[in-house]
Amino acid sequence: MLIPLTPTLETALGVAVILVSIASVLSLIRLLIGPSVPDRILALDTLYVNTIALVILFGLRQGSMLYFEAALLIAVMGFIGTIALSKYLLRGDIME
């Protein structure tokens, strides 16, 4: 059971969405203009963490547990993607 949204919680969720959105934009900028490949991998990792936060905040606002399951799927896919990309950059092959 989710908690009911009070005016204070509604305001806090709005502020959190704005701040996480700003963090996502900054991560996207670092992803696009990063000086090195490890910086871009880290920016991609940060971007998917920010996406998870936005999905969870949206789920809190909507009062649906479905968004939490979607956030879990994004987390798993982002983790696997980061590991695969890092292994590819280190070894040149993912499955070895």
N, C-alpha and C. Protein backbone atom coordinates (compact mmCIF):
# COMPACT_ATOMS: atom_id res chain seq x y z
N MET A 1 0.85 -1.18 0.00
CA MET A 1 0.00 0.00 0.00
C MET A 1 0.88 1.23 0.00
N LEU A 2 0.60 2.13 -0.89
CA LEU A 2 1.38 3.35 -0.98
C LEU A 2 0.81 4.41 -0.06
N ILE A 3 1.67 5.33 0.35
CA ILE A 3 1.23 6.38 1.25
C ILE A 3 0.45 7.44 0.48
N PRO A 4 -0.52 8.06 1.13
CA PRO A 4 -1.26 9.12 0.44
C PRO A 4 -0.39 10.36 0.27
N LEU A 5 -0.63 11.10 -0.80
CA LEU A 5 0.18 12.28 -1.08
C LEU A 5 -0.37 13.49 -0.35
N THR A 6 0.41 13.98 0.59
CA THR A 6 0.07 15.22 1.28
C THR A 6 0.63 16.38 0.47
N PRO A 7 0.20 17.60 0.74
CA PRO A 7 0.75 18.74 0.00
C PRO A 7 2.27 18.87 0.15
N THR A 8 2.79 18.55 1.32
CA THR A 8 4.23 18.62 1.53
C THR A 8 4.96 17.58 0.69
N LEU A 9 4.42 16.37 0.66
CA LEU A 9 5.03 15.31 -0.14
C LEU A 9 4.92 15.62 -1.63
N GLU A 10 3.80 16.21 -2.03
CA GLU A 10 3.62 16.59 -3.43
C GLU A 10 4.66 17.64 -3.84
N THR A 11 4.93 18.58 -2.96
CA THR A 11 5.95 19.60 -3.23
C THR A 11 7.34 18.98 -3.29
N ALA A 12 7.63 18.08 -2.36
CA ALA A 12 8.94 17.43 -2.34
C ALA A 12 9.15 16.59 -3.60
N LEU A 13 8.12 15.91 -4.06
CA LEU A 13 8.23 15.13 -5.29
C LEU A 13 8.48 16.04 -6.49
N GLY A 14 7.81 17.18 -6.53
CA GLY A 14 8.02 18.13 -7.63
C GLY A 14 9.44 18.66 -7.66
N VAL A 15 9.96 19.02 -6.49
CA VAL A 15 11.35 19.50 -6.41
C VAL A 15 12.32 18.40 -6.79
N ALA A 16 12.07 17.18 -6.33
CA ALA A 16 12.95 16.06 -6.65
C ALA A 16 12.97 15.77 -8.14
N VAL A 17 11.81 15.85 -8.79
CA VAL A 17 11.76 15.62 -10.24
C VAL A 17 12.57 16.67 -10.97
N ILE A 18 12.46 17.92 -10.56
CA ILE A 18 13.23 18.99 -11.20
C ILE A 18 14.72 18.78 -11.02
N LEU A 19 15.15 18.45 -9.80
CA LEU A 19 16.58 18.27 -9.54
C LEU A 19 17.15 17.05 -10.27
N VAL A 20 16.41 15.96 -10.29
CA VAL A 20 16.89 14.76 -10.99
C VAL A 20 16.90 15.01 -12.50
N SER A 21 15.96 15.78 -13.00
CA SER A 21 15.96 16.13 -14.42
C SER A 21 17.18 16.97 -14.79
N ILE A 22 17.54 17.90 -13.93
CA ILE A 22 18.75 18.70 -14.16
C ILE A 22 19.99 17.81 -14.16
N ALA A 23 20.03 16.86 -13.22
CA ALA A 23 21.15 15.93 -13.17
C ALA A 23 21.21 15.07 -14.43
N SER A 24 20.06 14.70 -14.96
CA SER A 24 20.02 13.90 -16.19
C SER A 24 20.54 14.70 -17.38
N VAL A 25 20.17 15.96 -17.46
CA VAL A 25 20.66 16.81 -18.55
C VAL A 25 22.16 16.98 -18.46
N LEU A 26 22.68 17.18 -17.26
CA LEU A 26 24.13 17.32 -17.09
C LEU A 26 24.87 16.02 -17.45
N SER A 27 24.28 14.89 -17.11
CA SER A 27 24.88 13.61 -17.48
C SER A 27 24.85 13.41 -18.99
N LEU A 28 23.77 13.83 -19.63
CA LEU A 28 23.68 13.73 -21.08
C LEU A 28 24.73 14.61 -21.76
N ILE A 29 24.95 15.79 -21.23
CA ILE A 29 26.00 16.67 -21.78
C ILE A 29 27.37 16.01 -21.63
N ARG A 30 27.64 15.41 -20.47
CA ARG A 30 28.93 14.73 -20.27
C ARG A 30 29.05 13.53 -21.19
N LEU A 31 27.94 12.86 -21.46
CA LEU A 31 27.96 11.72 -22.37
C LEU A 31 28.31 12.17 -23.79
N LEU A 32 27.79 13.30 -24.20
CA LEU A 32 28.02 13.77 -25.56
C LEU A 32 29.40 14.39 -25.76
N ILE A 33 29.91 15.12 -24.78
CA ILE A 33 31.18 15.84 -24.96
C ILE A 33 32.28 15.35 -24.03
N GLY A 34 32.10 14.18 -23.44
CA GLY A 34 33.10 13.66 -22.51
C GLY A 34 34.49 13.60 -23.12
N PRO A 35 35.51 13.98 -22.37
CA PRO A 35 36.85 14.00 -22.96
C PRO A 35 37.42 12.61 -23.23
N SER A 36 36.96 11.60 -22.53
CA SER A 36 37.50 10.26 -22.75
C SER A 36 36.37 9.23 -22.70
N VAL A 37 36.69 8.03 -23.14
CA VAL A 37 35.68 6.96 -23.17
C VAL A 37 35.24 6.55 -21.76
N PRO A 38 36.16 6.43 -20.78
CA PRO A 38 35.67 6.11 -19.43
C PRO A 38 34.73 7.17 -18.86
N ASP A 39 34.97 8.44 -19.19
CA ASP A 39 34.04 9.48 -18.75
C ASP A 39 32.67 9.29 -19.36
N ARG A 40 32.62 8.87 -20.60
CA ARG A 40 31.33 8.65 -21.26
C ARG A 40 30.61 7.43 -20.69
N ILE A 41 31.36 6.39 -20.33
CA ILE A 41 30.75 5.22 -19.71
C ILE A 41 30.17 5.59 -18.35
N LEU A 42 30.90 6.36 -17.59
CA LEU A 42 30.42 6.80 -16.29
C LEU A 42 29.19 7.70 -16.44
N ALA A 43 29.17 8.57 -17.45
CA ALA A 43 28.01 9.42 -17.70
C ALA A 43 26.80 8.59 -18.09
N LEU A 44 27.00 7.55 -18.89
CA LEU A 44 25.90 6.66 -19.26
C LEU A 44 25.36 5.94 -18.04
N ASP A 45 26.24 5.49 -17.16
CA ASP A 45 25.85 4.82 -15.93
C ASP A 45 25.04 5.79 -15.05
N THR A 46 25.51 7.01 -14.93
CA THR A 46 24.79 8.01 -14.14
C THR A 46 23.45 8.34 -14.77
N LEU A 47 23.39 8.36 -16.08
CA LEU A 47 22.15 8.68 -16.77
C LEU A 47 21.08 7.61 -16.52
N TYR A 48 21.48 6.35 -16.50
CA TYR A 48 20.46 5.33 -16.24
C TYR A 48 20.05 5.32 -14.77
N VAL A 49 20.95 5.70 -13.86
CA VAL A 49 20.56 5.81 -12.45
C VAL A 49 19.56 6.96 -12.28
N ASN A 50 19.80 8.07 -12.98
CA ASN A 50 18.85 9.18 -12.94
C ASN A 50 17.50 8.79 -13.54
N THR A 51 17.53 7.97 -14.58
CA THR A 51 16.28 7.49 -15.18
C THR A 51 15.51 6.62 -14.19
N ILE A 52 16.22 5.80 -13.46
CA ILE A 52 15.57 4.97 -12.44
C ILE A 52 14.92 5.86 -11.39
N ALA A 53 15.63 6.91 -10.97
CA ALA A 53 15.07 7.82 -9.97
C ALA A 53 13.81 8.52 -10.49
N LEU A 54 13.84 8.94 -11.75
CA LEU A 54 12.66 9.59 -12.32
C LEU A 54 11.47 8.63 -12.41
N VAL A 55 11.72 7.39 -12.78
CA VAL A 55 10.64 6.41 -12.86
C VAL A 55 10.05 6.14 -11.48
N ILE A 56 10.90 6.05 -10.48
CA ILE A 56 10.41 5.82 -9.11
C ILE A 56 9.61 7.02 -8.62
N LEU A 57 10.11 8.22 -8.89
CA LEU A 57 9.36 9.42 -8.48
C LEU A 57 8.00 9.49 -9.18
N PHE A 58 7.97 9.14 -10.45
CA PHE A 58 6.71 9.12 -11.18
C PHE A 58 5.77 8.06 -10.61
N GLY A 59 6.33 6.92 -10.23
CA GLY A 59 5.52 5.87 -9.61
C GLY A 59 4.94 6.30 -8.28
N LEU A 60 5.71 7.04 -7.50
CA LEU A 60 5.19 7.56 -6.24
C LEU A 60 4.04 8.54 -6.49
N ARG A 61 4.22 9.39 -7.47
CA ARG A 61 3.18 10.38 -7.78
C ARG A 61 1.91 9.72 -8.30
N GLN A 62 2.04 8.69 -9.14
CA GLN A 62 0.88 8.02 -9.72
C GLN A 62 0.26 7.00 -8.77
N GLY A 63 1.03 6.53 -7.80
CA GLY A 63 0.51 5.54 -6.86
C GLY A 63 0.39 4.15 -7.44
N SER A 64 1.29 3.80 -8.36
CA SER A 64 1.24 2.49 -9.01
C SER A 64 2.54 1.74 -8.76
N MET A 65 2.42 0.47 -8.43
CA MET A 65 3.60 -0.36 -8.18
C MET A 65 4.27 -0.81 -9.48
N LEU A 66 3.60 -0.66 -10.59
CA LEU A 66 4.14 -1.07 -11.88
C LEU A 66 5.42 -0.31 -12.22
N TYR A 67 5.49 0.94 -11.83
CA TYR A 67 6.68 1.75 -12.12
C TYR A 67 7.91 1.24 -11.37
N PHE A 68 7.70 0.68 -10.20
CA PHE A 68 8.83 0.14 -9.45
C PHE A 68 9.41 -1.10 -10.13
N GLU A 69 8.56 -1.88 -10.73
CA GLU A 69 9.04 -3.03 -11.49
C GLU A 69 9.79 -2.57 -12.74
N ALA A 70 9.31 -1.52 -13.37
CA ALA A 70 10.01 -0.97 -14.54
C ALA A 70 11.37 -0.42 -14.13
N ALA A 71 11.45 0.21 -12.97
CA ALA A 71 12.74 0.73 -12.48
C ALA A 71 13.72 -0.41 -12.22
N LEU A 72 13.22 -1.52 -11.71
CA LEU A 72 14.07 -2.68 -11.48
C LEU A 72 14.61 -3.24 -12.79
N LEU A 73 13.77 -3.30 -13.81
CA LEU A 73 14.23 -3.76 -15.13
C LEU A 73 15.26 -2.82 -15.73
N ILE A 74 15.06 -1.53 -15.59
CA ILE A 74 16.04 -0.55 -16.09
C ILE A 74 17.37 -0.73 -15.36
N ALA A 75 17.32 -0.97 -14.06
CA ALA A 75 18.54 -1.16 -13.28
C ALA A 75 19.32 -2.38 -13.74
N VAL A 76 18.62 -3.48 -13.96
CA VAL A 76 19.29 -4.72 -14.39
C VAL A 76 19.90 -4.54 -15.78
N MET A 77 19.13 -3.97 -16.70
CA MET A 77 19.64 -3.77 -18.06
C MET A 77 20.80 -2.78 -18.09
N GLY A 78 20.72 -1.74 -17.29
CA GLY A 78 21.82 -0.78 -17.23
C GLY A 78 23.09 -1.38 -16.65
N PHE A 79 22.94 -2.21 -15.63
CA PHE A 79 24.10 -2.88 -15.04
C PHE A 79 24.77 -3.81 -16.05
N ILE A 80 23.98 -4.60 -16.73
CA ILE A 80 24.52 -5.53 -17.73
C ILE A 80 25.16 -4.75 -18.88
N GLY A 81 24.52 -3.67 -19.30
CA GLY A 81 25.07 -2.86 -20.38
C GLY A 81 26.39 -2.21 -20.01
N THR A 82 26.51 -1.73 -18.79
CA THR A 82 27.76 -1.11 -18.35
C THR A 82 28.88 -2.13 -18.29
N ILE A 83 28.58 -3.31 -17.78
CA ILE A 83 29.61 -4.36 -17.72
C ILE A 83 30.03 -4.79 -19.13
N ALA A 84 29.07 -4.97 -20.03
CA ALA A 84 29.41 -5.38 -21.39
C ALA A 84 30.24 -4.33 -22.10
N LEU A 85 29.89 -3.07 -21.95
CA LEU A 85 30.64 -1.99 -22.60
C LEU A 85 32.05 -1.87 -22.02
N SER A 86 32.17 -2.02 -20.72
CA SER A 86 33.49 -1.96 -20.09
C SER A 86 34.37 -3.13 -20.53
N LYS A 87 33.81 -4.33 -20.57
CA LYS A 87 34.59 -5.48 -21.03
C LYS A 87 35.01 -5.32 -22.48
N TYR A 88 34.12 -4.76 -23.30
CA TYR A 88 34.46 -4.55 -24.70
C TYR A 88 35.61 -3.56 -24.84
N LEU A 89 35.59 -2.50 -24.05
CA LEU A 89 36.66 -1.51 -24.14
C LEU A 89 37.99 -2.03 -23.59
N LEU A 90 37.92 -2.88 -22.58
CA LEU A 90 39.16 -3.42 -22.01
C LEU A 90 39.77 -4.52 -22.86
N ARG A 91 38.94 -5.44 -23.37
CA ARG A 91 39.44 -6.62 -24.06
C ARG A 91 39.20 -6.60 -25.57
N GLY A 92 38.23 -5.85 -26.00
CA GLY A 92 37.87 -5.88 -27.41
C GLY A 92 36.88 -6.97 -27.74
N ASP A 93 36.46 -7.75 -26.73
CA ASP A 93 35.50 -8.82 -26.93
C ASP A 93 34.65 -8.94 -25.66
N ILE A 94 33.37 -9.18 -25.82
CA ILE A 94 32.49 -9.25 -24.66
C ILE A 94 32.44 -10.66 -24.10
N MET A 95 32.26 -11.65 -24.94
CA MET A 95 32.12 -13.03 -24.51
C MET A 95 33.45 -13.76 -24.57
N GLU A 96 34.14 -13.73 -23.48
CA GLU A 96 35.41 -14.43 -23.45
C GLU A 96 35.68 -14.98 -22.09
